[in-house]
Amino acid sequence: MLVKFEDLDKDSRIWIYQSNREFTENEVEMLGPIVEDFISTWQRHGDDLKASYIVKYNQFIVLAVDEKFNDVSGCSIDSSVNLIKNLETKFSVDLTNKMNISFKDNNNINVVKMVDFQKFVKQDKITSNTIVFNNMVTTIKEFEENWEVTADKSWHKRFLV
């Protein structure tokens, strides 16, 4: 059951998929109906899931499920991963590489390999004040409060010198 993202409970579970490149406006318009069709029929063992999504900065797809309505199952999570894999193929992007790290450089979002992120830290191109995207957050509340933060307030701090 597709609902508005802002209508979901703040404890709703989320999954963040970051693209290795920004989607064009046209691509965002194209992916919307695909994701909405999926969510409108997304189920757990025959029971509807109360769910939604948003696209942030034309680069991050955030799926959300209100587990107070119905818990997700392994099969329902697998089906959402299949959706994401299909989007990867359709738009020639990488949405599932957990070794990519994203950060802001002024208003630009950069996605780099973890080794390059570490190299940029050593070169002082990334500091404790650099805005990073903590894709490890698991609820809407965490997403709103701890997703886009300075590196010293995220798991990224382990790379800081």
Foldseek 3Di string as FASTA:
>chain_A
DEDDPVPADQQWWKAKWFWQDAADPVLVVVVVVLVVVCQVPQDAPPHHWYWYWDQPPSTMIMITTRCVRPNHDPVSVVVVVVSVVVSCVVVVIHGPPPQWWWWDDPNDIHIDGVVVVLVCLVVVVAAQQTWTAASPDTGNNCNVPPGTGGCVRHPNCVSHD
